[in-house]
Amino acid sequence: MPARPSSTALVALIAVAATASGYAHTGTLQVSGFWHGLSHPFTGVDHLLAMLAVGIWAVQLGRRAVWLVPVTFVSVMSVSGLATMGRIAPPLIEPAIVLSVLLLGILIMAVIRVPLAAGAALVGVFAVFHGAAHGMEVPVAISGAAYALGFTAATALLHVCGLGLGGLLARLDRLDLVRYLGGAVTLGGAYLALA
């Protein structure tokens, strides 16, 4: 029988990764082109944790949520990013992003299931702020459109990774590890809140 990964080691690994960098949305990066957009969501723990968590939570919700929750997030984030490129931005973007990481972690850790419409609406609200943060960094130009396409593709890829991880652990009947992942996401959100 293969050795099971230690849940303590898993939480420790994610906590260490969380200390490597804080926010993806510093406003100081050069943004242009598809490849910058594609790599950008991987440079900040806030976006990385939230996108993986959306996928994992969608698996917990099950059935149609597996595709509807991530698709809702990507769609709303894209619209929000485009609107913000025109400099229409909601207030308190970074605190809302940190709150999204915290809440998604708690939802996973506590195995909170909500109706499909409520789950999609909740991630849609989170997506407004994640999209706005990306959109504020995008220059209004052709390279900005390519950048937006890149960060949208990266977000979808991170959702797929979360779906895959959540689905694999469910098939292995390791729902305890899914809850530990939720705890690690929550710790990451707490770190971001205090950073």
Protein backbone atom coordinates (compact mmCIF):
# COMPACT_ATOMS: atom_id res chain seq x y z
CA MET A 1 0.00 0.00 0.00
CA PRO A 2 1.51 3.39 -0.96
CA ALA A 3 2.32 5.78 1.86
CA ARG A 4 -0.23 8.49 2.40
CA PRO A 5 1.10 12.04 2.50
CA SER A 6 1.17 13.55 5.94
CA SER A 7 -1.56 16.15 6.32
CA THR A 8 0.75 18.15 8.59
CA ALA A 9 3.42 18.16 5.89
CA LEU A 10 0.86 19.28 3.33
CA VAL A 11 -0.29 22.21 5.47
CA ALA A 12 3.32 23.15 6.23
CA LEU A 13 4.23 23.11 2.54
CA ILE A 14 1.37 25.43 1.63
CA ALA A 15 2.14 27.75 4.57
CA VAL A 16 5.78 28.01 3.47
CA ALA A 17 4.70 28.75 -0.09
CA ALA A 18 2.41 31.47 1.22
CA THR A 19 5.34 33.32 2.76
CA ALA A 20 7.19 33.47 -0.55
CA SER A 21 5.08 36.29 -1.95
CA GLY A 22 1.96 38.11 -0.95
CA TYR A 23 -0.17 39.84 -3.50
CA ALA A 24 -0.12 39.37 -7.24
CA HIS A 25 -1.60 42.84 -7.61
CA THR A 26 1.19 45.22 -6.69
CA GLY A 27 0.58 47.63 -9.54
CA THR A 28 4.34 47.77 -10.17
CA LEU A 29 4.67 45.10 -12.84
CA GLN A 30 5.21 45.70 -16.52
CA VAL A 31 2.14 44.25 -18.13
CA SER A 32 1.97 43.53 -21.81
CA GLY A 33 1.17 40.60 -23.95
CA PHE A 34 -0.31 37.16 -23.52
CA TRP A 35 2.67 35.56 -21.74
CA HIS A 36 2.81 38.22 -19.02
CA GLY A 37 -0.91 37.75 -18.46
CA LEU A 38 -0.57 33.97 -18.40
CA SER A 39 2.22 34.04 -15.81
CA HIS A 40 0.81 36.82 -13.62
CA PRO A 41 -1.78 34.78 -11.63
CA PHE A 42 1.02 32.42 -10.55
CA THR A 43 3.07 35.23 -9.00
CA GLY A 44 0.81 36.02 -6.05
CA VAL A 45 -0.49 33.73 -3.36
CA ASP A 46 -3.81 35.60 -3.19
CA HIS A 47 -4.91 34.69 -6.71
CA LEU A 48 -3.26 31.27 -6.69
CA LEU A 49 -5.01 30.13 -3.49
CA ALA A 50 -8.39 31.58 -4.47
CA MET A 51 -8.38 29.97 -7.94
CA LEU A 52 -7.39 26.54 -6.65
CA ALA A 53 -9.98 26.87 -3.88
CA VAL A 54 -12.77 27.69 -6.36
CA GLY A 55 -12.04 24.40 -8.14
CA ILE A 56 -11.82 22.37 -4.94
CA TRP A 57 -15.04 23.86 -3.54
CA ALA A 58 -16.82 23.20 -6.84
CA VAL A 59 -15.93 19.51 -6.47
CA GLN A 60 -17.29 19.56 -2.91
CA LEU A 61 -20.54 21.09 -4.16
CA GLY A 62 -20.70 18.39 -6.84
CA ARG A 63 -22.88 17.78 -9.88
CA ARG A 64 -23.38 20.85 -12.09
CA ALA A 65 -21.33 23.05 -9.73
CA VAL A 66 -18.19 21.32 -11.01
CA TRP A 67 -18.43 23.28 -14.24
CA LEU A 68 -20.83 26.13 -13.40
CA VAL A 69 -18.92 27.58 -10.43
CA PRO A 70 -15.55 27.91 -12.26
CA VAL A 71 -17.20 29.12 -15.48
CA THR A 72 -19.09 31.78 -13.49
CA PHE A 73 -15.87 32.92 -11.88
CA VAL A 74 -13.94 33.18 -15.16
CA SER A 75 -16.83 34.94 -16.92
CA VAL A 76 -17.44 37.54 -14.21
CA MET A 77 -13.69 38.08 -13.70
CA SER A 78 -13.24 38.74 -17.42
CA VAL A 79 -16.08 41.28 -17.54
CA SER A 80 -14.80 42.97 -14.38
CA GLY A 81 -11.27 43.10 -15.77
CA LEU A 82 -12.48 44.66 -19.01
CA ALA A 83 -14.59 47.22 -17.15
CA THR A 84 -11.66 48.14 -14.93
CA MET A 85 -9.38 48.61 -17.95
CA GLY A 86 -11.59 51.60 -18.57
CA ARG A 87 -10.77 52.62 -14.97
CA ILE A 88 -14.14 51.76 -13.43
CA ALA A 89 -13.08 49.99 -10.24
CA PRO A 90 -14.90 48.93 -7.08
CA PRO A 91 -13.48 50.12 -3.75
CA LEU A 92 -11.52 47.93 -1.33
CA ILE A 93 -10.20 45.53 -3.97
CA GLU A 94 -7.32 44.00 -1.98
CA PRO A 95 -9.31 43.49 1.26
CA ALA A 96 -12.08 41.84 -0.76
CA ILE A 97 -9.56 39.51 -2.41
CA VAL A 98 -8.12 38.54 0.98
CA LEU A 99 -11.67 37.96 2.26
CA SER A 100 -12.36 35.70 -0.75
CA VAL A 101 -9.33 33.55 0.12
CA LEU A 102 -10.39 33.32 3.77
CA LEU A 103 -14.02 32.48 2.99
CA LEU A 104 -13.20 29.91 0.31
CA GLY A 105 -10.84 28.19 2.72
CA ILE A 106 -13.49 28.11 5.43
CA LEU A 107 -16.12 26.79 3.00
CA ILE A 108 -13.82 23.91 2.04
CA MET A 109 -12.58 23.20 5.56
CA ALA A 110 -16.09 23.16 7.04
CA VAL A 111 -17.53 21.28 4.01
CA ILE A 112 -20.21 23.94 3.57
CA ARG A 113 -22.55 23.12 0.73
CA VAL A 114 -24.94 25.72 -0.62
CA PRO A 115 -27.47 25.64 -3.46
CA LEU A 116 -25.92 25.89 -6.91
CA ALA A 117 -27.19 29.43 -7.58
CA ALA A 118 -25.84 30.67 -4.24
CA GLY A 119 -22.43 29.07 -4.89
CA ALA A 120 -22.20 30.60 -8.35
CA ALA A 121 -23.32 34.01 -7.03
CA LEU A 122 -20.77 33.92 -4.22
CA VAL A 123 -17.82 33.15 -6.50
CA GLY A 124 -19.19 35.74 -8.92
CA VAL A 125 -18.86 38.41 -6.22
CA PHE A 126 -15.29 37.27 -5.51
CA ALA A 127 -14.56 37.36 -9.26
CA VAL A 128 -15.55 41.04 -9.51
CA PHE A 129 -12.65 41.98 -7.24
CA HIS A 130 -10.10 39.57 -8.72
CA GLY A 131 -10.97 40.83 -12.20
CA ALA A 132 -10.78 44.46 -11.11
CA ALA A 133 -7.33 43.92 -9.61
CA HIS A 134 -6.08 42.45 -12.89
CA GLY A 135 -7.87 45.02 -15.00
CA MET A 136 -6.30 47.95 -13.17
CA GLU A 137 -2.88 46.67 -14.21
CA VAL A 138 -3.76 46.25 -17.88
CA PRO A 139 -2.83 49.02 -20.29
CA VAL A 140 -5.65 50.00 -22.61
CA ALA A 141 -3.99 48.75 -25.79
CA ILE A 142 -3.67 45.72 -28.02
CA SER A 143 -1.08 44.31 -25.60
CA GLY A 144 -3.62 44.87 -22.82
CA ALA A 145 -6.16 42.69 -24.62
CA ALA A 146 -3.56 39.95 -25.04
CA TYR A 147 -2.61 40.30 -21.36
CA ALA A 148 -6.28 39.96 -20.34
CA LEU A 149 -6.60 36.83 -22.45
CA GLY A 150 -3.49 35.43 -20.75
CA PHE A 151 -4.68 35.98 -17.18
CA THR A 152 -8.10 34.60 -18.06
CA ALA A 153 -6.49 31.43 -19.47
CA ALA A 154 -4.28 31.10 -16.36
CA THR A 155 -7.29 31.49 -14.08
CA ALA A 156 -9.14 28.74 -15.96
CA LEU A 157 -6.05 26.52 -15.72
CA LEU A 158 -5.82 27.05 -11.96
CA HIS A 159 -9.53 26.17 -11.64
CA VAL A 160 -8.87 22.96 -13.56
CA CYS A 161 -5.96 22.15 -11.21
CA GLY A 162 -8.26 22.69 -8.21
CA LEU A 163 -10.94 20.53 -9.80
CA GLY A 164 -8.39 17.82 -10.51
CA LEU A 165 -6.93 17.90 -7.00
CA GLY A 166 -10.36 17.89 -5.34
CA GLY A 167 -11.60 15.13 -7.65
CA LEU A 168 -8.51 12.98 -7.08
CA LEU A 169 -8.76 13.24 -3.29
CA ALA A 170 -12.48 12.45 -3.46
CA ARG A 171 -11.81 9.34 -5.57
CA LEU A 172 -9.11 8.26 -3.10
CA ASP A 173 -11.64 8.81 -0.29
CA ARG A 174 -9.30 11.33 1.32
CA LEU A 175 -11.90 13.92 2.24
CA ASP A 176 -9.83 14.63 5.36
CA LEU A 177 -7.06 15.97 3.12
CA VAL A 178 -9.56 18.14 1.25
CA ARG A 179 -10.52 19.69 4.59
CA TYR A 180 -6.84 20.18 5.46
CA LEU A 181 -6.38 21.95 2.13
CA GLY A 182 -9.27 24.24 3.11
CA GLY A 183 -7.47 24.90 6.38
CA ALA A 184 -4.26 25.70 4.52
CA VAL A 185 -6.12 28.13 2.22
CA THR A 186 -7.63 29.77 5.31
CA LEU A 187 -4.16 30.10 6.86
CA GLY A 188 -2.93 31.63 3.63
CA GLY A 189 -5.79 34.14 3.76
CA ALA A 190 -4.95 34.96 7.37
CA TYR A 191 -1.31 35.50 6.41
CA LEU A 192 -2.38 37.87 3.62
CA ALA A 193 -4.67 39.74 6.01
CA LEU A 194 -1.80 40.29 8.43
CA ALA A 195 0.91 40.96 5.84
